[in-house]
Amino acid sequence: MLKGMGNIASLMKQAQQMQGRMSEIQEELGRLRVEGTAGGGMVTVEANGQQRILAVKVDQSLFEGGDREMLEDLLTGAINQALDKAKQASVEEMAKVTGGLNIPGVGDALSKMGFGGTPSE
């Protein structure tokens, strides 16, 4: 019985250590920058690891061409690519904290906290 209590204490200590790293990881994700591009670089979207769009750059020729639908499609593609990269980066950062453990429910909880969840999502 005492051995079981030692395991629980060990798990609690690990959980406290993980919690201590959460704000640090959140700051790291805020500093992380990823880019999504479309149209051979004619549209570039920059996002951070918290899945926030930071900048959008559109080549002038897309405005001059007047093809609104193409511009919309390129923006959508670049934004989705940037957000996918941001999500993957957050998953990789969180894996460092959890040691790669796949604990049921943790991915949902982390996602609600703004950490992007787990790779299986």
PDB file of N, CA and C in Angstrom:
ATOM      1  N   MET A   1       0.820  -1.196   0.000  1.00  0.00           N
ATOM      2  CA  MET A   1       0.000   0.000   0.000  1.00  0.00           C
ATOM      3  C   MET A   1       0.861   1.256   0.000  1.00  0.00           C
ATOM      4  N   LEU A   2       1.929   1.254   0.796  1.00  0.00           N
ATOM      5  CA  LEU A   2       2.804   2.417   0.836  1.00  0.00           C
ATOM      6  C   LEU A   2       3.516   2.624  -0.492  1.00  0.00           C
ATOM      7  N   LYS A   3       3.811   1.511  -1.160  1.00  0.00           N
ATOM      8  CA  LYS A   3       4.466   1.636  -2.464  1.00  0.00           C
ATOM      9  C   LYS A   3       3.549   2.360  -3.449  1.00  0.00           C
ATOM     10  N   GLY A   4       2.267   2.073  -3.420  1.00  0.00           N
ATOM     11  CA  GLY A   4       1.298   2.747  -4.273  1.00  0.00           C
ATOM     12  C   GLY A   4       1.236   4.233  -3.982  1.00  0.00           C
ATOM     13  N   MET A   5       1.347   4.609  -2.721  1.00  0.00           N
ATOM     14  CA  MET A   5       1.340   6.024  -2.338  1.00  0.00           C
ATOM     15  C   MET A   5       2.577   6.724  -2.891  1.00  0.00           C
ATOM     16  N   GLY A   6       3.698   6.013  -2.928  1.00  0.00           N
ATOM     17  CA  GLY A   6       4.924   6.593  -3.491  1.00  0.00           C
ATOM     18  C   GLY A   6       4.768   6.877  -4.966  1.00  0.00           C
ATOM     19  N   ASN A   7       4.092   5.983  -5.678  1.00  0.00           N
ATOM     20  CA  ASN A   7       3.846   6.199  -7.099  1.00  0.00           C
ATOM     21  C   ASN A   7       2.937   7.403  -7.322  1.00  0.00           C
ATOM     22  N   ILE A   8       1.931   7.543  -6.472  1.00  0.00           N
ATOM     23  CA  ILE A   8       1.020   8.686  -6.592  1.00  0.00           C
ATOM     24  C   ILE A   8       1.777   9.979  -6.317  1.00  0.00           C
ATOM     25  N   ALA A   9       2.614   9.962  -5.295  1.00  0.00           N
ATOM     26  CA  ALA A   9       3.404  11.155  -4.965  1.00  0.00           C
ATOM     27  C   ALA A   9       4.333  11.516  -6.120  1.00  0.00           C
ATOM     28  N   SER A  10       4.900  10.504  -6.737  1.00  0.00           N
ATOM     29  CA  SER A  10       5.781  10.735  -7.881  1.00  0.00           C
ATOM     30  C   SER A  10       5.008  11.342  -9.052  1.00  0.00           C
ATOM     31  N   LEU A  11       3.822  10.812  -9.307  1.00  0.00           N
ATOM     32  CA  LEU A  11       2.987  11.354 -10.373  1.00  0.00           C
ATOM     33  C   LEU A  11       2.578  12.790 -10.078  1.00  0.00           C
ATOM     34  N   MET A  12       2.246  13.082  -8.835  1.00  0.00           N
ATOM     35  CA  MET A  12       1.868  14.439  -8.450  1.00  0.00           C
ATOM     36  C   MET A  12       3.043  15.402  -8.639  1.00  0.00           C
ATOM     37  N   LYS A  13       4.232  14.953  -8.285  1.00  0.00           N
ATOM     38  CA  LYS A  13       5.421  15.791  -8.451  1.00  0.00           C
ATOM     39  C   LYS A  13       5.656  16.084  -9.933  1.00  0.00           C
ATOM     40  N   GLN A  14       5.502  15.062 -10.765  1.00  0.00           N
ATOM     41  CA  GLN A  14       5.664  15.252 -12.215  1.00  0.00           C
ATOM     42  C   GLN A  14       4.603  16.213 -12.755  1.00  0.00           C
ATOM     43  N   ALA A  15       3.379  16.107 -12.262  1.00  0.00           N
ATOM     44  CA  ALA A  15       2.307  16.998 -12.712  1.00  0.00           C
ATOM     45  C   ALA A  15       2.611  18.435 -12.313  1.00  0.00           C
ATOM     46  N   GLN A  16       3.142  18.640 -11.123  1.00  0.00           N
ATOM     47  CA  GLN A  16       3.498  19.989 -10.678  1.00  0.00           C
ATOM     48  C   GLN A  16       4.625  20.558 -11.531  1.00  0.00           C
ATOM     49  N   GLN A  17       5.597  19.729 -11.871  1.00  0.00           N
ATOM     50  CA  GLN A  17       6.690  20.183 -12.723  1.00  0.00           C
ATOM     51  C   GLN A  17       6.159  20.577 -14.102  1.00  0.00           C
ATOM     52  N   MET A  18       5.244  19.764 -14.637  1.00  0.00           N
ATOM     53  CA  MET A  18       4.658  20.050 -15.941  1.00  0.00           C
ATOM     54  C   MET A  18       3.879  21.365 -15.886  1.00  0.00           C
ATOM     55  N   GLN A  19       3.133  21.562 -14.835  1.00  0.00           N
ATOM     56  CA  GLN A  19       2.358  22.787 -14.680  1.00  0.00           C
ATOM     57  C   GLN A  19       3.294  23.991 -14.598  1.00  0.00           C
ATOM     58  N   GLY A  20       4.404  23.835 -13.944  1.00  0.00           N
ATOM     59  CA  GLY A  20       5.375  24.915 -13.836  1.00  0.00           C
ATOM     60  C   GLY A  20       5.945  25.331 -15.183  1.00  0.00           C
ATOM     61  N   ARG A  21       6.010  24.403 -16.104  1.00  0.00           N
ATOM     62  CA  ARG A  21       6.547  24.690 -17.431  1.00  0.00           C
ATOM     63  C   ARG A  21       5.510  25.285 -18.376  1.00  0.00           C
ATOM     64  N   MET A  22       4.227  25.219 -18.033  1.00  0.00           N
ATOM     65  CA  MET A  22       3.167  25.650 -18.946  1.00  0.00           C
ATOM     66  C   MET A  22       3.300  27.120 -19.349  1.00  0.00           C
ATOM     67  N   SER A  23       3.492  28.002 -18.394  1.00  0.00           N
ATOM     68  CA  SER A  23       3.584  29.421 -18.754  1.00  0.00           C
ATOM     69  C   SER A  23       4.836  29.684 -19.572  1.00  0.00           C
ATOM     70  N   GLU A  24       5.903  28.976 -19.268  1.00  0.00           N
ATOM     71  CA  GLU A  24       7.140  29.113 -20.044  1.00  0.00           C
ATOM     72  C   GLU A  24       6.925  28.664 -21.490  1.00  0.00           C
ATOM     73  N   ILE A  25       6.242  27.546 -21.662  1.00  0.00           N
ATOM     74  CA  ILE A  25       5.949  27.043 -23.004  1.00  0.00           C
ATOM     75  C   ILE A  25       5.043  28.021 -23.746  1.00  0.00           C
ATOM     76  N   GLN A  26       4.046  28.574 -23.051  1.00  0.00           N
ATOM     77  CA  GLN A  26       3.131  29.530 -23.677  1.00  0.00           C
ATOM     78  C   GLN A  26       3.916  30.735 -24.201  1.00  0.00           C
ATOM     79  N   GLU A  27       4.876  31.216 -23.434  1.00  0.00           N
ATOM     80  CA  GLU A  27       5.710  32.338 -23.873  1.00  0.00           C
ATOM     81  C   GLU A  27       6.559  31.945 -25.081  1.00  0.00           C
ATOM     82  N   GLU A  28       7.124  30.748 -25.042  1.00  0.00           N
ATOM     83  CA  GLU A  28       7.927  30.270 -26.168  1.00  0.00           C
ATOM     84  C   GLU A  28       7.081  30.198 -27.442  1.00  0.00           C
ATOM     85  N   LEU A  29       5.856  29.703 -27.310  1.00  0.00           N
ATOM     86  CA  LEU A  29       4.976  29.605 -28.469  1.00  0.00           C
ATOM     87  C   LEU A  29       4.608  30.990 -29.005  1.00  0.00           C
ATOM     88  N   GLY A  30       4.500  31.954 -28.121  1.00  0.00           N
ATOM     89  CA  GLY A  30       4.216  33.322 -28.553  1.00  0.00           C
ATOM     90  C   GLY A  30       5.362  33.922 -29.357  1.00  0.00           C
ATOM     91  N   ARG A  31       6.588  33.498 -29.055  1.00  0.00           N
ATOM     92  CA  ARG A  31       7.758  33.998 -29.782  1.00  0.00           C
ATOM     93  C   ARG A  31       8.024  33.229 -31.077  1.00  0.00           C
ATOM     94  N   LEU A  32       7.533  32.008 -31.150  1.00  0.00           N
ATOM     95  CA  LEU A  32       7.760  31.158 -32.320  1.00  0.00           C
ATOM     96  C   LEU A  32       7.064  31.741 -33.544  1.00  0.00           C
ATOM     97  N   ARG A  33       7.732  31.743 -34.682  1.00  0.00           N
ATOM     98  CA  ARG A  33       7.160  32.259 -35.925  1.00  0.00           C
ATOM     99  C   ARG A  33       7.201  31.174 -36.999  1.00  0.00           C
ATOM    100  N   VAL A  34       6.075  31.021 -37.700  1.00  0.00           N
ATOM    101  CA  VAL A  34       5.986  30.100 -38.832  1.00  0.00           C
ATOM    102  C   VAL A  34       5.339  30.846 -39.987  1.00  0.00           C
ATOM    103  N   GLU A  35       5.590  30.359 -41.209  1.00  0.00           N
ATOM    104  CA  GLU A  35       4.999  30.980 -42.398  1.00  0.00           C
ATOM    105  C   GLU A  35       4.253  29.957 -43.228  1.00  0.00           C
ATOM    106  N   GLY A  36       3.174  30.413 -43.799  1.00  0.00           N
ATOM    107  CA  GLY A  36       2.453  29.647 -44.799  1.00  0.00           C
ATOM    108  C   GLY A  36       2.489  30.459 -46.086  1.00  0.00           C
ATOM    109  N   THR A  37       2.670  29.768 -47.205  1.00  0.00           N
ATOM    110  CA  THR A  37       2.716  30.476 -48.485  1.00  0.00           C
ATOM    111  C   THR A  37       1.801  29.801 -49.486  1.00  0.00           C
ATOM    112  N   ALA A  38       1.434  30.561 -50.498  1.00  0.00           N
ATOM    113  CA  ALA A  38       0.615  30.031 -51.590  1.00  0.00           C
ATOM    114  C   ALA A  38       0.945  30.818 -52.850  1.00  0.00           C
ATOM    115  N   GLY A  39       0.625  30.217 -53.970  1.00  0.00           N
ATOM    116  CA  GLY A  39       0.849  30.882 -55.250  1.00  0.00           C
ATOM    117  C   GLY A  39       2.319  31.137 -55.518  1.00  0.00           C
ATOM    118  N   GLY A  40       3.160  30.186 -55.147  1.00  0.00           N
ATOM    119  CA  GLY A  40       4.592  30.353 -55.387  1.00  0.00           C
ATOM    120  C   GLY A  40       5.185  31.524 -54.623  1.00  0.00           C
ATOM    121  N   GLY A  41       4.641  31.802 -53.443  1.00  0.00           N
ATOM    122  CA  GLY A  41       5.145  32.887 -52.623  1.00  0.00           C
ATOM    123  C   GLY A  41       4.455  34.217 -52.858  1.00  0.00           C
ATOM    124  N   MET A  42       3.428  34.215 -53.699  1.00  0.00           N
ATOM    125  CA  MET A  42       2.707  35.466 -53.949  1.00  0.00           C
ATOM    126  C   MET A  42       1.893  35.904 -52.732  1.00  0.00           C
ATOM    127  N   VAL A  43       1.544  34.950 -51.875  1.00  0.00           N
ATOM    128  CA  VAL A  43       0.856  35.256 -50.627  1.00  0.00           C
ATOM    129  C   VAL A  43       1.639  34.557 -49.515  1.00  0.00           C
ATOM    130  N   THR A  44       1.967  35.322 -48.479  1.00  0.00           N
ATOM    131  CA  THR A  44       2.679  34.789 -47.321  1.00  0.00           C
ATOM    132  C   THR A  44       1.933  35.214 -46.066  1.00  0.00           C
ATOM    133  N   VAL A  45       1.734  34.249 -45.175  1.00  0.00           N
ATOM    134  CA  VAL A  45       1.058  34.515 -43.912  1.00  0.00           C
ATOM    135  C   VAL A  45       1.989  34.065 -42.795  1.00  0.00           C
ATOM    136  N   GLU A  46       2.191  34.948 -41.818  1.00  0.00           N
ATOM    137  CA  GLU A  46       3.021  34.629 -40.664  1.00  0.00           C
ATOM    138  C   GLU A  46       2.119  34.423 -39.457  1.00  0.00           C
ATOM    139  N   ALA A  47       2.389  33.356 -38.707  1.00  0.00           N
ATOM    140  CA  ALA A  47       1.635  33.060 -37.490  1.00  0.00           C
ATOM    141  C   ALA A  47       2.621  32.726 -36.382  1.00  0.00           C
ATOM    142  N   ASN A  48       2.141  32.769 -35.143  1.00  0.00           N
ATOM    143  CA  ASN A  48       2.995  32.334 -34.042  1.00  0.00           C
ATOM    144  C   ASN A  48       2.542  30.962 -33.562  1.00  0.00           C
ATOM    145  N   GLY A  49       3.249  30.415 -32.602  1.00  0.00           N
ATOM    146  CA  GLY A  49       2.937  29.085 -32.089  1.00  0.00           C
ATOM    147  C   GLY A  49       1.639  29.016 -31.313  1.00  0.00           C
ATOM    148  N   GLN A  50       1.058  30.175 -31.008  1.00  0.00           N
ATOM    149  CA  GLN A  50      -0.238  30.216 -30.346  1.00  0.00           C
ATOM    150  C   GLN A  50      -1.375  30.279 -31.364  1.00  0.00           C
ATOM    151  N   GLN A  51      -1.039  30.065 -32.618  1.00  0.00           N
ATOM    152  CA  GLN A  51      -1.986  30.030 -33.730  1.00  0.00           C
ATOM    153  C   GLN A  51      -2.672  31.375 -33.937  1.00  0.00           C
ATOM    154  N   ARG A  52      -1.902  32.433 -33.786  1.00  0.00           N
ATOM    155  CA  ARG A  52      -2.371  33.789 -34.069  1.00  0.00           C
ATOM    156  C   ARG A  52      -1.715  34.273 -35.353  1.00  0.00           C
ATOM    157  N   ILE A  53      -2.507  34.847 -36.240  1.00  0.00           N
ATOM    158  CA  ILE A  53      -1.979  35.418 -37.479  1.00  0.00           C
ATOM    159  C   ILE A  53      -1.316  36.749 -37.130  1.00  0.00           C
ATOM    160  N   LEU A  54      -0.053  36.906 -37.539  1.00  0.00           N
ATOM    161  CA  LEU A  54       0.709  38.105 -37.211  1.00  0.00           C
ATOM    162  C   LEU A  54       0.855  39.048 -38.399  1.00  0.00           C
ATOM    163  N   ALA A  55       0.930  38.480 -39.605  1.00  0.00           N
ATOM    164  CA  ALA A  55       1.130  39.319 -40.786  1.00  0.00           C
ATOM    165  C   ALA A  55       0.653  38.586 -42.027  1.00  0.00           C
ATOM    166  N   VAL A  56       0.212  39.377 -43.006  1.00  0.00           N
ATOM    167  CA  VAL A  56      -0.183  38.855 -44.311  1.00  0.00           C
ATOM    168  C   VAL A  56       0.486  39.734 -45.352  1.00  0.00           C
ATOM    169  N   LYS A  57       1.181  39.094 -46.298  1.00  0.00           N
ATOM    170  CA  LYS A  57       1.817  39.829 -47.390  1.00  0.00           C
ATOM    171  C   LYS A  57       1.261  39.300 -48.706  1.00  0.00           C
ATOM    172  N   VAL A  58       0.831  40.212 -49.560  1.00  0.00           N
ATOM    173  CA  VAL A  58       0.244  39.848 -50.845  1.00  0.00           C
ATOM    174  C   VAL A  58       1.014  40.594 -51.933  1.00  0.00           C
ATOM    175  N   ASP A  59       1.484  39.852 -52.912  1.00  0.00           N
ATOM    176  CA  ASP A  59       2.192  40.458 -54.045  1.00  0.00           C
ATOM    177  C   ASP A  59       1.263  41.434 -54.769  1.00  0.00           C
ATOM    178  N   GLN A  60       1.794  42.583 -55.112  1.00  0.00           N
ATOM    179  CA  GLN A  60       1.014  43.648 -55.759  1.00  0.00           C
ATOM    180  C   GLN A  60       0.327  43.173 -57.035  1.00  0.00           C
ATOM    181  N   SER A  61       0.953  42.260 -57.758  1.00  0.00           N
ATOM    182  CA  SER A  61       0.386  41.799 -59.027  1.00  0.00           C
ATOM    183  C   SER A  61      -0.977  41.129 -58.840  1.00  0.00           C
ATOM    184  N   LEU A  62      -1.219  40.556 -57.662  1.00  0.00           N
ATOM    185  CA  LEU A  62      -2.524  39.929 -57.413  1.00  0.00           C
ATOM    186  C   LEU A  62      -3.634  40.977 -57.324  1.00  0.00           C
ATOM    187  N   PHE A  63      -3.306  42.153 -56.842  1.00  0.00           N
ATOM    188  CA  PHE A  63      -4.299  43.227 -56.790  1.00  0.00           C
ATOM    189  C   PHE A  63      -4.540  43.795 -58.183  1.00  0.00           C
ATOM    190  N   GLU A  64      -3.464  43.910 -58.939  1.00  0.00           N
ATOM    191  CA  GLU A  64      -3.570  44.493 -60.268  1.00  0.00           C
ATOM    192  C   GLU A  64      -4.311  43.579 -61.228  1.00  0.00           C
ATOM    193  N   GLY A  65      -4.206  42.265 -61.006  1.00  0.00           N
ATOM    194  CA  GLY A  65      -4.870  41.299 -61.864  1.00  0.00           C
ATOM    195  C   GLY A  65      -6.378  41.323 -61.715  1.00  0.00           C
ATOM    196  N   GLY A  66      -6.855  41.745 -60.556  1.00  0.00           N
ATOM    197  CA  GLY A  66      -8.285  41.866 -60.344  1.00  0.00           C
ATOM    198  C   GLY A  66      -9.029  40.554 -60.177  1.00  0.00           C
ATOM    199  N   ASP A  67      -8.316  39.440 -59.998  1.00  0.00           N
ATOM    200  CA  ASP A  67      -8.969  38.139 -59.830  1.00  0.00           C
ATOM    201  C   ASP A  67      -9.206  37.889 -58.338  1.00  0.00           C
ATOM    202  N   ARG A  68     -10.336  38.371 -57.857  1.00  0.00           N
ATOM    203  CA  ARG A  68     -10.665  38.291 -56.452  1.00  0.00           C
ATOM    204  C   ARG A  68     -10.746  36.850 -55.950  1.00  0.00           C
ATOM    205  N   GLU A  69     -11.341  35.965 -56.716  1.00  0.00           N
ATOM    206  CA  GLU A  69     -11.484  34.574 -56.290  1.00  0.00           C
ATOM    207  C   GLU A  69     -10.127  33.904 -56.126  1.00  0.00           C
ATOM    208  N   MET A  70      -9.203  34.171 -57.051  1.00  0.00           N
ATOM    209  CA  MET A  70      -7.876  33.578 -56.929  1.00  0.00           C
ATOM    210  C   MET A  70      -7.189  34.097 -55.663  1.00  0.00           C
ATOM    211  N   LEU A  71      -7.282  35.398 -55.397  1.00  0.00           N
ATOM    212  CA  LEU A  71      -6.679  35.968 -54.201  1.00  0.00           C
ATOM    213  C   LEU A  71      -7.274  35.345 -52.942  1.00  0.00           C
ATOM    214  N   GLU A  72      -8.571  35.187 -52.913  1.00  0.00           N
ATOM    215  CA  GLU A  72      -9.229  34.564 -51.763  1.00  0.00           C
ATOM    216  C   GLU A  72      -8.744  33.138 -51.560  1.00  0.00           C
ATOM    217  N   ASP A  73      -8.616  32.379 -52.647  1.00  0.00           N
ATOM    218  CA  ASP A  73      -8.134  31.000 -52.554  1.00  0.00           C
ATOM    219  C   ASP A  73      -6.696  30.949 -52.049  1.00  0.00           C
ATOM    220  N   LEU A  74      -5.854  31.849 -52.553  1.00  0.00           N
ATOM    221  CA  LEU A  74      -4.455  31.872 -52.120  1.00  0.00           C
ATOM    222  C   LEU A  74      -4.339  32.263 -50.647  1.00  0.00           C
ATOM    223  N   LEU A  75      -5.135  33.227 -50.231  1.00  0.00           N
ATOM    224  CA  LEU A  75      -5.131  33.622 -48.813  1.00  0.00           C
ATOM    225  C   LEU A  75      -5.571  32.462 -47.924  1.00  0.00           C
ATOM    226  N   THR A  76      -6.630  31.800 -48.325  1.00  0.00           N
ATOM    227  CA  THR A  76      -7.119  30.659 -47.550  1.00  0.00           C
ATOM    228  C   THR A  76      -6.050  29.579 -47.439  1.00  0.00           C
ATOM    229  N   GLY A  77      -5.407  29.263 -48.539  1.00  0.00           N
ATOM    230  CA  GLY A  77      -4.356  28.240 -48.531  1.00  0.00           C
ATOM    231  C   GLY A  77      -3.178  28.621 -47.653  1.00  0.00           C
ATOM    232  N   ALA A  78      -2.718  29.862 -47.762  1.00  0.00           N
ATOM    233  CA  ALA A  78      -1.573  30.311 -46.978  1.00  0.00           C
ATOM    234  C   ALA A  78      -1.902  30.361 -45.491  1.00  0.00           C
ATOM    235  N   ILE A  79      -3.100  30.824 -45.151  1.00  0.00           N
ATOM    236  CA  ILE A  79      -3.508  30.888 -43.745  1.00  0.00           C
ATOM    237  C   ILE A  79      -3.596  29.482 -43.160  1.00  0.00           C
ATOM    238  N   ASN A  80      -4.221  28.573 -43.881  1.00  0.00           N
ATOM    239  CA  ASN A  80      -4.338  27.197 -43.382  1.00  0.00           C
ATOM    240  C   ASN A  80      -2.968  26.554 -43.207  1.00  0.00           C
ATOM    241  N   GLN A  81      -2.065  26.789 -44.146  1.00  0.00           N
ATOM    242  CA  GLN A  81      -0.721  26.232 -44.027  1.00  0.00           C
ATOM    243  C   GLN A  81      -0.004  26.800 -42.801  1.00  0.00           C
ATOM    244  N   ALA A  82      -0.103  28.111 -42.585  1.00  0.00           N
ATOM    245  CA  ALA A  82       0.538  28.732 -41.425  1.00  0.00           C
ATOM    246  C   ALA A  82      -0.043  28.186 -40.121  1.00  0.00           C
ATOM    247  N   LEU A  83      -1.354  28.048 -40.057  1.00  0.00           N
ATOM    248  CA  LEU A  83      -1.983  27.531 -38.837  1.00  0.00           C
ATOM    249  C   LEU A  83      -1.641  26.061 -38.598  1.00  0.00           C
ATOM    250  N   ASP A  84      -1.542  25.273 -39.666  1.00  0.00           N
ATOM    251  CA  ASP A  84      -1.120  23.874 -39.517  1.00  0.00           C
ATOM    252  C   ASP A  84       0.292  23.791 -38.953  1.00  0.00           C
ATOM    253  N   LYS A  85       1.181  24.637 -39.468  1.00  0.00           N
ATOM    254  CA  LYS A  85       2.558  24.655 -38.963  1.00  0.00           C
ATOM    255  C   LYS A  85       2.605  25.108 -37.509  1.00  0.00           C
ATOM    256  N   ALA A  86       1.789  26.096 -37.164  1.00  0.00           N
ATOM    257  CA  ALA A  86       1.742  26.585 -35.788  1.00  0.00           C
ATOM    258  C   ALA A  86       1.233  25.497 -34.849  1.00  0.00           C
ATOM    259  N   LYS A  87       0.211  24.779 -35.283  1.00  0.00           N
ATOM    260  CA  LYS A  87      -0.337  23.702 -34.461  1.00  0.00           C
ATOM    261  C   LYS A  87       0.704  22.607 -34.261  1.00  0.00           C
ATOM    262  N   GLN A  88       1.395  22.247 -35.315  1.00  0.00           N
ATOM    263  CA  GLN A  88       2.415  21.212 -35.200  1.00  0.00           C
ATOM    264  C   GLN A  88       3.538  21.657 -34.269  1.00  0.00           C
ATOM    265  N   ALA A  89       3.929  22.917 -34.366  1.00  0.00           N
ATOM    266  CA  ALA A  89       4.976  23.436 -33.491  1.00  0.00           C
ATOM    267  C   ALA A  89       4.533  23.394 -32.031  1.00  0.00           C
ATOM    268  N   SER A  90       3.267  23.711 -31.772  1.00  0.00           N
ATOM    269  CA  SER A  90       2.783  23.676 -30.392  1.00  0.00           C
ATOM    270  C   SER A  90       2.723  22.242 -29.880  1.00  0.00           C
ATOM    271  N   VAL A  91       2.362  21.311 -30.733  1.00  0.00           N
ATOM    272  CA  VAL A  91       2.340  19.899 -30.345  1.00  0.00           C
ATOM    273  C   VAL A  91       3.750  19.441 -29.979  1.00  0.00           C
ATOM    274  N   GLU A  92       4.729  19.839 -30.780  1.00  0.00           N
ATOM    275  CA  GLU A  92       6.119  19.456 -30.508  1.00  0.00           C
ATOM    276  C   GLU A  92       6.618  20.053 -29.203  1.00  0.00           C
ATOM    277  N   GLU A  93       6.258  21.308 -28.923  1.00  0.00           N
ATOM    278  CA  GLU A  93       6.656  21.943 -27.666  1.00  0.00           C
ATOM    279  C   GLU A  93       6.006  21.228 -26.483  1.00  0.00           C
ATOM    280  N   MET A  94       4.734  20.886 -26.613  1.00  0.00           N
ATOM    281  CA  MET A  94       4.042  20.219 -25.515  1.00  0.00           C
ATOM    282  C   MET A  94       4.582  18.813 -25.295  1.00  0.00           C
ATOM    283  N   ALA A  95       5.029  18.166 -26.361  1.00  0.00           N
ATOM    284  CA  ALA A  95       5.619  16.832 -26.215  1.00  0.00           C
ATOM    285  C   ALA A  95       6.877  16.892 -25.356  1.00  0.00           C
ATOM    286  N   LYS A  96       7.579  18.021 -25.415  1.00  0.00           N
ATOM    287  CA  LYS A  96       8.764  18.190 -24.567  1.00  0.00           C
ATOM    288  C   LYS A  96       8.360  18.205 -23.096  1.00  0.00           C
ATOM    289  N   VAL A  97       7.234  18.828 -22.798  1.00  0.00           N
ATOM    290  CA  VAL A  97       6.761  18.929 -21.418  1.00  0.00           C
ATOM    291  C   VAL A  97       6.232  17.594 -20.925  1.00  0.00           C
ATOM    292  N   THR A  98       5.445  16.926 -21.754  1.00  0.00           N
ATOM    293  CA  THR A  98       4.811  15.676 -21.324  1.00  0.00           C
ATOM    294  C   THR A  98       5.696  14.467 -21.545  1.00  0.00           C
ATOM    295  N   GLY A  99       6.854  14.667 -22.142  1.00  0.00           N
ATOM    296  CA  GLY A  99       7.739  13.545 -22.406  1.00  0.00           C
ATOM    297  C   GLY A  99       7.177  12.595 -23.433  1.00  0.00           C
ATOM    298  N   GLY A 100       6.287  13.087 -24.278  1.00  0.00           N
ATOM    299  CA  GLY A 100       5.694  12.266 -25.320  1.00  0.00           C
ATOM    300  C   GLY A 100       4.578  11.371 -24.831  1.00  0.00           C
ATOM    301  N   LEU A 101       4.186  11.494 -23.553  1.00  0.00           N
ATOM    302  CA  LEU A 101       3.103  10.671 -23.027  1.00  0.00           C
ATOM    303  C   LEU A 101       1.788  11.050 -23.671  1.00  0.00           C
ATOM    304  N   ASN A 102       0.997  10.072 -23.992  1.00  0.00           N
ATOM    305  CA  ASN A 102      -0.344  10.325 -24.523  1.00  0.00           C
ATOM    306  C   ASN A 102      -1.338  10.001 -23.421  1.00  0.00           C
ATOM    307  N   ILE A 103      -1.615  11.002 -22.592  1.00  0.00           N
ATOM    308  CA  ILE A 103      -2.503  10.818 -21.450  1.00  0.00           C
ATOM    309  C   ILE A 103      -3.916  11.187 -21.894  1.00  0.00           C
ATOM    310  N   PRO A 104      -4.881  10.272 -21.771  1.00  0.00           N
ATOM    311  CA  PRO A 104      -6.245  10.556 -22.217  1.00  0.00           C
ATOM    312  C   PRO A 104      -6.779  11.843 -21.598  1.00  0.00           C
ATOM    313  N   GLY A 105      -7.357  12.703 -22.445  1.00  0.00           N
ATOM    314  CA  GLY A 105      -7.950  13.944 -21.973  1.00  0.00           C
ATOM    315  C   GLY A 105      -6.988  15.118 -21.916  1.00  0.00           C
ATOM    316  N   VAL A 106      -5.688  14.868 -21.879  1.00  0.00           N
ATOM    317  CA  VAL A 106      -4.722  15.961 -21.781  1.00  0.00           C
ATOM    318  C   VAL A 106      -4.729  16.796 -23.053  1.00  0.00           C
ATOM    319  N   GLY A 107      -4.855  16.160 -24.203  1.00  0.00           N
ATOM    320  CA  GLY A 107      -4.876  16.908 -25.459  1.00  0.00           C
ATOM    321  C   GLY A 107      -6.020  17.903 -25.507  1.00  0.00           C
ATOM    322  N   ASP A 108      -7.202  17.479 -25.070  1.00  0.00           N
ATOM    323  CA  ASP A 108      -8.355  18.384 -25.045  1.00  0.00           C
ATOM    324  C   ASP A 108      -8.124  19.527 -24.072  1.00  0.00           C
ATOM    325  N   ALA A 109      -7.581  19.208 -22.904  1.00  0.00           N
ATOM    326  CA  ALA A 109      -7.339  20.247 -21.898  1.00  0.00           C
ATOM    327  C   ALA A 109      -6.311  21.250 -22.403  1.00  0.00           C
ATOM    328  N   LEU A 110      -5.242  20.758 -23.020  1.00  0.00           N
ATOM    329  CA  LEU A 110      -4.211  21.644 -23.532  1.00  0.00           C
ATOM    330  C   LEU A 110      -4.746  22.507 -24.666  1.00  0.00           C
ATOM    331  N   SER A 111      -5.588  21.921 -25.498  1.00  0.00           N
ATOM    332  CA  SER A 111      -6.172  22.676 -26.598  1.00  0.00           C
ATOM    333  C   SER A 111      -7.015  23.831 -26.066  1.00  0.00           C
ATOM    334  N   LYS A 112      -7.775  23.583 -25.012  1.00  0.00           N
ATOM    335  CA  LYS A 112      -8.605  24.630 -24.412  1.00  0.00           C
ATOM    336  C   LYS A 112      -7.746  25.726 -23.789  1.00  0.00           C
ATOM    337  N   MET A 113      -6.534  25.365 -23.390  1.00  0.00           N
ATOM    338  CA  MET A 113      -5.623  26.341 -22.797  1.00  0.00           C
ATOM    339  C   MET A 113      -4.826  27.085 -23.865  1.00  0.00           C
ATOM    340  N   GLY A 114      -5.038  26.737 -25.127  1.00  0.00           N
ATOM    341  CA  GLY A 114      -4.341  27.439 -26.198  1.00  0.00           C
ATOM    342  C   GLY A 114      -3.057  26.786 -26.639  1.00  0.00           C
ATOM    343  N   PHE A 115      -2.851  25.516 -26.298  1.00  0.00           N
ATOM    344  CA  PHE A 115      -1.630  24.847 -26.654  1.00  0.00           C
ATOM    345  C   PHE A 115      -1.731  23.982 -27.906  1.00  0.00           C
ATOM    346  N   GLY A 116      -2.850  23.921 -28.545  1.00  0.00           N
ATOM    347  CA  GLY A 116      -2.944  23.223 -29.815  1.00  0.00           C
ATOM    348  C   GLY A 116      -3.276  21.754 -29.749  1.00  0.00           C
ATOM    349  N   GLY A 117      -3.294  21.131 -28.589  1.00  0.00           N
ATOM    350  CA  GLY A 117      -3.728  19.749 -28.499  1.00  0.00           C
ATOM    351  C   GLY A 117      -2.628  18.761 -28.787  1.00  0.00           C
ATOM    352  N   THR A 118      -3.027  17.588 -29.297  1.00  0.00           N
ATOM    353  CA  THR A 118      -2.096  16.501 -29.529  1.00  0.00           C
ATOM    354  C   THR A 118      -2.064  16.146 -30.998  1.00  0.00           C
ATOM    355  N   PRO A 119      -1.028  15.429 -31.455  1.00  0.00           N
ATOM    356  CA  PRO A 119      -0.926  15.091 -32.873  1.00  0.00           C
ATOM    357  C   PRO A 119      -2.087  14.279 -33.407  1.00  0.00           C
ATOM    358  N   SER A 120      -2.814  13.585 -32.546  1.00  0.00           N
ATOM    359  CA  SER A 120      -3.901  12.729 -33.041  1.00  0.00           C
ATOM    360  C   SER A 120      -5.154  13.518 -33.361  1.00  0.00           C
ATOM    361  N   GLU A 121      -5.183  14.809 -33.069  1.00  0.00           N
ATOM    362  CA  GLU A 121      -6.382  15.598 -33.346  1.00  0.00           C
ATOM    363  C   GLU A 121      -6.485  15.953 -34.798  1.00  0.00           C
TER     364      GLU A 121
END
